[in-house]
Amino acid sequence: MQDASLFIRDLGDGLILRHASKQDAAALADFNSHIHSDNGPEHPDHRIAAWTRDLLAKPHPTLTARDFTIVEETATRRIVSSLNLIPQTWTYEGIEFGVGRPELVGTLPEFRGRGLVRTQFDEIHKWCEARGLVAQAITGIPYFYRQFGYEMALDFVGRRFGYEANVPRLKKGEKEQYHIRPAAQADLPFIANLYAETQKRYMISCVRGVDVFAYELK
């Protein structure tokens, strides 16, 4: 660690807890791509790597690089454990409240069983209290996060999928009535308004404005 302002505390056994910085983007993307791969660490998940880099390197509406925690081995400067906190605003029947969303929780196999994830959860829970994020919500292994104070509460995920096989073939002489294209900057107000209308179906939802969709579009 070169920047002393990132330091949080010494964990002993040659490990420290610190904030991340933008300079950690490549190393943390590589770490997460192996830790979170469904096909084993020898087959890194490039989607996870890209997501990690984006969170660290691209200006995000609510998150900064310092919202990542890193447990670093001081002798090698190797990342051995990490997670991050994404601040969000949710709504319950139109009443907005702050939510902290922990994500990308992982530890190298040889460092598991030392309480490193618990230490990081304790840290980000302090951040939530200081920021007025009155609830925390995490997606992950069902019931695993009970040990950190979480309970199963909501069904996941509220979305629909469409597959090419479900699209009927055109009859002879027919023309497509609809076309699918990538979204553009000019579409953002429509997307945000459509999302807001969709929220009305649900008792609980995450508030997403134009700024969030603009980030996703980049």
Protein backbone atom coordinates (compact mmCIF):
# COMPACT_ATOMS: atom_id res chain seq x y z
CA MET A 1 0.00 0.00 0.00
CA GLN A 2 1.54 3.28 -1.10
CA ASP A 3 -1.22 5.73 -0.11
CA ALA A 4 -1.45 5.96 3.69
CA SER A 5 -4.94 7.53 3.46
CA LEU A 6 -6.28 4.15 2.29
CA PHE A 7 -5.23 2.37 5.49
CA ILE A 8 -8.03 1.26 7.83
CA ARG A 9 -6.27 -0.99 10.34
CA ASP A 10 -3.69 -3.71 10.92
CA LEU A 11 -5.23 -7.20 11.17
CA GLY A 12 -2.08 -8.94 12.36
CA ASP A 13 -0.43 -11.99 10.77
CA GLY A 14 1.00 -9.78 8.03
CA LEU A 15 -2.40 -8.53 6.83
CA ILE A 16 -3.93 -5.07 6.70
CA LEU A 17 -7.43 -3.82 5.92
CA ARG A 18 -7.65 -0.86 3.58
CA HIS A 19 -9.80 0.99 1.10
CA ALA A 20 -9.24 0.37 -2.60
CA SER A 21 -8.21 3.02 -5.13
CA LYS A 22 -8.56 3.29 -8.88
CA GLN A 23 -5.01 1.92 -9.14
CA ASP A 24 -6.33 -1.41 -7.80
CA ALA A 25 -8.71 -1.85 -10.76
CA ALA A 26 -6.62 -4.37 -12.71
CA ALA A 27 -5.53 -6.45 -9.71
CA LEU A 28 -8.99 -6.50 -8.13
CA ALA A 29 -10.65 -7.35 -11.46
CA ASP A 30 -8.28 -10.31 -11.81
CA PHE A 31 -8.90 -11.37 -8.19
CA ASN A 32 -12.70 -11.27 -8.53
CA SER A 33 -12.71 -12.95 -11.94
CA HIS A 34 -11.05 -16.03 -10.42
CA ILE A 35 -12.80 -16.05 -7.03
CA HIS A 36 -16.30 -15.67 -8.49
CA SER A 37 -15.98 -17.92 -11.53
CA ASP A 38 -18.67 -20.61 -11.71
CA ASN A 39 -16.24 -22.77 -13.67
CA GLY A 40 -13.44 -22.75 -11.12
CA PRO A 41 -10.52 -20.35 -10.56
CA GLU A 42 -8.64 -21.74 -13.56
CA HIS A 43 -11.38 -20.31 -15.80
CA PRO A 44 -11.73 -16.60 -14.91
CA ASP A 45 -15.11 -14.95 -15.42
CA HIS A 46 -14.47 -12.05 -17.79
CA ARG A 47 -17.89 -10.53 -17.07
CA ILE A 48 -17.03 -10.26 -13.38
CA ALA A 49 -13.66 -8.75 -14.29
CA ALA A 50 -15.31 -6.11 -16.48
CA TRP A 51 -17.88 -5.30 -13.79
CA THR A 52 -15.13 -4.83 -11.18
CA ARG A 53 -13.08 -2.57 -13.46
CA ASP A 54 -16.14 -0.49 -14.27
CA LEU A 55 -17.02 0.00 -10.60
CA LEU A 56 -13.49 1.12 -9.80
CA ALA A 57 -12.57 3.11 -12.89
CA LYS A 58 -15.81 4.63 -14.24
CA PRO A 59 -17.51 7.51 -12.41
CA HIS A 60 -20.42 5.86 -10.60
CA PRO A 61 -23.52 7.75 -9.34
CA THR A 62 -23.14 6.52 -5.74
CA LEU A 63 -19.97 4.44 -5.36
CA THR A 64 -16.27 5.36 -5.31
CA ALA A 65 -13.19 3.17 -5.28
CA ARG A 66 -12.94 3.74 -1.50
CA ASP A 67 -16.21 1.81 -1.11
CA PHE A 68 -14.20 -1.35 -1.78
CA THR A 69 -12.41 -2.99 1.14
CA ILE A 70 -9.23 -4.96 0.53
CA VAL A 71 -7.36 -7.28 2.86
CA GLU A 72 -3.78 -7.07 1.66
CA GLU A 73 -0.80 -9.28 2.46
CA THR A 74 1.86 -6.72 3.31
CA ALA A 75 4.85 -8.87 2.32
CA THR A 76 3.60 -9.43 -1.23
CA ARG A 77 0.95 -6.68 -1.57
CA ARG A 78 -1.35 -9.48 -2.72
CA ILE A 79 -5.12 -9.09 -2.42
CA VAL A 80 -6.35 -11.99 -0.29
CA SER A 81 -9.93 -10.87 0.43
CA SER A 82 -12.28 -8.13 -0.70
CA LEU A 83 -15.84 -6.86 -0.88
CA ASN A 84 -17.57 -3.59 -1.69
CA LEU A 85 -20.57 -1.51 -0.67
CA ILE A 86 -22.89 0.01 -3.26
CA PRO A 87 -25.07 2.79 -1.75
CA GLN A 88 -28.59 2.76 -3.19
CA THR A 89 -32.00 4.32 -2.62
CA TRP A 90 -34.97 1.97 -2.36
CA THR A 91 -38.65 2.72 -1.99
CA TYR A 92 -41.34 1.04 0.10
CA GLU A 93 -44.78 2.04 -1.21
CA GLY A 94 -43.32 5.36 -2.32
CA ILE A 95 -41.31 6.02 0.85
CA GLU A 96 -37.62 6.27 -0.01
CA PHE A 97 -34.84 5.00 2.27
CA GLY A 98 -31.11 4.38 2.02
CA VAL A 99 -29.76 0.87 1.43
CA GLY A 100 -26.22 -0.46 1.47
CA ARG A 101 -25.66 -3.31 -0.97
CA PRO A 102 -22.58 -5.47 -0.27
CA GLU A 103 -21.22 -7.16 -3.38
CA LEU A 104 -18.29 -9.15 -4.78
CA VAL A 105 -17.50 -10.84 -1.46
CA GLY A 106 -14.55 -13.21 -1.76
CA THR A 107 -11.43 -14.63 -0.13
CA LEU A 108 -8.57 -16.74 -1.45
CA PRO A 109 -9.05 -20.39 -0.38
CA GLU A 110 -5.87 -20.49 1.71
CA PHE A 111 -7.02 -17.46 3.74
CA ARG A 112 -10.56 -18.64 4.50
CA GLY A 113 -11.66 -19.43 8.05
CA ARG A 114 -9.83 -16.44 9.54
CA GLY A 115 -12.82 -14.11 9.88
CA LEU A 116 -11.64 -11.76 7.11
CA VAL A 117 -15.09 -11.41 5.55
CA ARG A 118 -16.67 -10.79 8.97
CA THR A 119 -14.10 -8.06 9.62
CA GLN A 120 -14.99 -6.37 6.34
CA PHE A 121 -18.74 -6.67 6.96
CA ASP A 122 -18.25 -5.06 10.38
CA GLU A 123 -16.45 -2.20 8.64
CA ILE A 124 -19.03 -1.54 5.95
CA HIS A 125 -21.86 -1.78 8.49
CA LYS A 126 -20.18 1.15 10.27
CA TRP A 127 -20.15 3.03 6.95
CA CYS A 128 -23.87 2.35 6.50
CA GLU A 129 -24.67 3.70 9.94
CA ALA A 130 -22.59 6.83 9.32
CA ARG A 131 -24.25 7.43 5.94
CA GLY A 132 -27.80 6.79 7.05
CA LEU A 133 -28.18 3.62 4.97
CA VAL A 134 -30.78 2.12 7.29
CA ALA A 135 -30.97 -1.31 5.62
CA GLN A 136 -28.50 -3.65 3.96
CA ALA A 137 -29.38 -6.11 1.20
CA ILE A 138 -27.16 -8.72 -0.40
CA THR A 139 -27.65 -11.18 -3.23
CA GLY A 140 -25.76 -14.41 -2.87
CA ILE A 141 -25.80 -17.94 -1.47
CA PRO A 142 -29.14 -18.47 0.32
CA TYR A 143 -28.74 -18.36 4.13
CA PHE A 144 -24.93 -18.16 3.98
CA TYR A 145 -24.99 -14.53 5.04
CA ARG A 146 -27.05 -15.24 8.17
CA GLN A 147 -23.73 -15.43 10.02
CA PHE A 148 -23.26 -11.73 9.25
CA GLY A 149 -26.76 -10.69 10.32
CA TYR A 150 -28.72 -11.18 7.08
CA GLU A 151 -32.02 -13.03 6.61
CA MET A 152 -33.85 -14.16 3.49
CA ALA A 153 -36.43 -11.46 2.85
CA LEU A 154 -37.25 -10.89 -0.84
CA ASP A 155 -37.58 -12.98 -3.97
CA PHE A 156 -34.89 -12.38 -6.59
CA VAL A 157 -34.99 -11.31 -9.45
CA GLY A 158 -37.82 -9.11 -10.78
CA ARG A 159 -37.24 -9.33 -14.50
CA ARG A 160 -38.29 -11.16 -17.64
CA PHE A 161 -36.26 -12.93 -20.30
CA GLY A 162 -36.94 -13.36 -23.99
CA TYR A 163 -35.27 -15.93 -26.20
CA GLU A 164 -34.81 -16.00 -29.95
CA ALA A 165 -36.58 -19.38 -30.14
CA ASN A 166 -39.74 -17.74 -28.79
CA VAL A 167 -39.89 -15.20 -31.62
CA PRO A 168 -42.29 -16.46 -34.31
CA ARG A 169 -40.92 -16.69 -37.83
CA LEU A 170 -42.31 -14.21 -40.34
CA LYS A 171 -44.76 -15.54 -42.84
CA LYS A 172 -44.07 -15.03 -46.49
CA GLY A 173 -44.49 -11.37 -47.39
CA GLU A 174 -44.60 -10.16 -43.75
CA LYS A 175 -42.22 -7.51 -42.41
CA GLU A 176 -40.94 -7.01 -38.91
CA GLN A 177 -43.00 -4.52 -36.91
CA TYR A 178 -40.38 -4.02 -34.22
CA HIS A 179 -36.60 -3.76 -34.20
CA ILE A 180 -34.10 -4.22 -31.37
CA ARG A 181 -31.15 -1.82 -31.25
CA PRO A 182 -28.60 -0.67 -28.68
CA ALA A 183 -29.81 2.17 -26.45
CA ALA A 184 -28.42 5.66 -27.05
CA GLN A 185 -27.98 8.74 -24.89
CA ALA A 186 -31.18 10.23 -26.27
CA ASP A 187 -33.12 7.19 -25.00
CA LEU A 188 -32.20 7.69 -21.34
CA PRO A 189 -35.20 9.84 -20.29
CA PHE A 190 -37.58 7.30 -21.86
CA ILE A 191 -35.79 4.39 -20.14
CA ALA A 192 -35.89 6.16 -16.76
CA ASN A 193 -39.57 7.02 -17.14
CA LEU A 194 -40.41 3.46 -18.21
CA TYR A 195 -38.54 2.10 -15.20
CA ALA A 196 -40.42 4.48 -12.89
CA GLU A 197 -43.73 3.26 -14.30
CA THR A 198 -42.66 -0.35 -13.84
CA GLN A 199 -41.82 0.34 -10.18
CA LYS A 200 -45.50 0.96 -9.50
CA ARG A 201 -46.13 -2.79 -9.79
CA TYR A 202 -44.02 -3.53 -6.73
CA MET A 203 -44.21 -2.74 -3.03
CA ILE A 204 -40.40 -2.56 -2.78
CA SER A 205 -38.02 -1.49 -5.53
CA CYS A 206 -34.69 0.22 -6.16
CA VAL A 207 -34.83 3.82 -7.35
CA ARG A 208 -32.91 4.31 -10.61
CA GLY A 209 -32.74 7.66 -12.36
CA VAL A 210 -31.19 8.87 -15.58
CA ASP A 211 -27.77 9.03 -13.88
CA VAL A 212 -27.80 5.28 -13.18
CA PHE A 213 -28.87 4.36 -16.72
CA ALA A 214 -26.27 6.75 -18.15
CA TYR A 215 -23.60 4.90 -16.16
CA GLU A 216 -24.83 1.57 -17.52
CA LEU A 217 -24.78 2.94 -21.07
CA LYS A 218 -21.09 3.95 -20.96
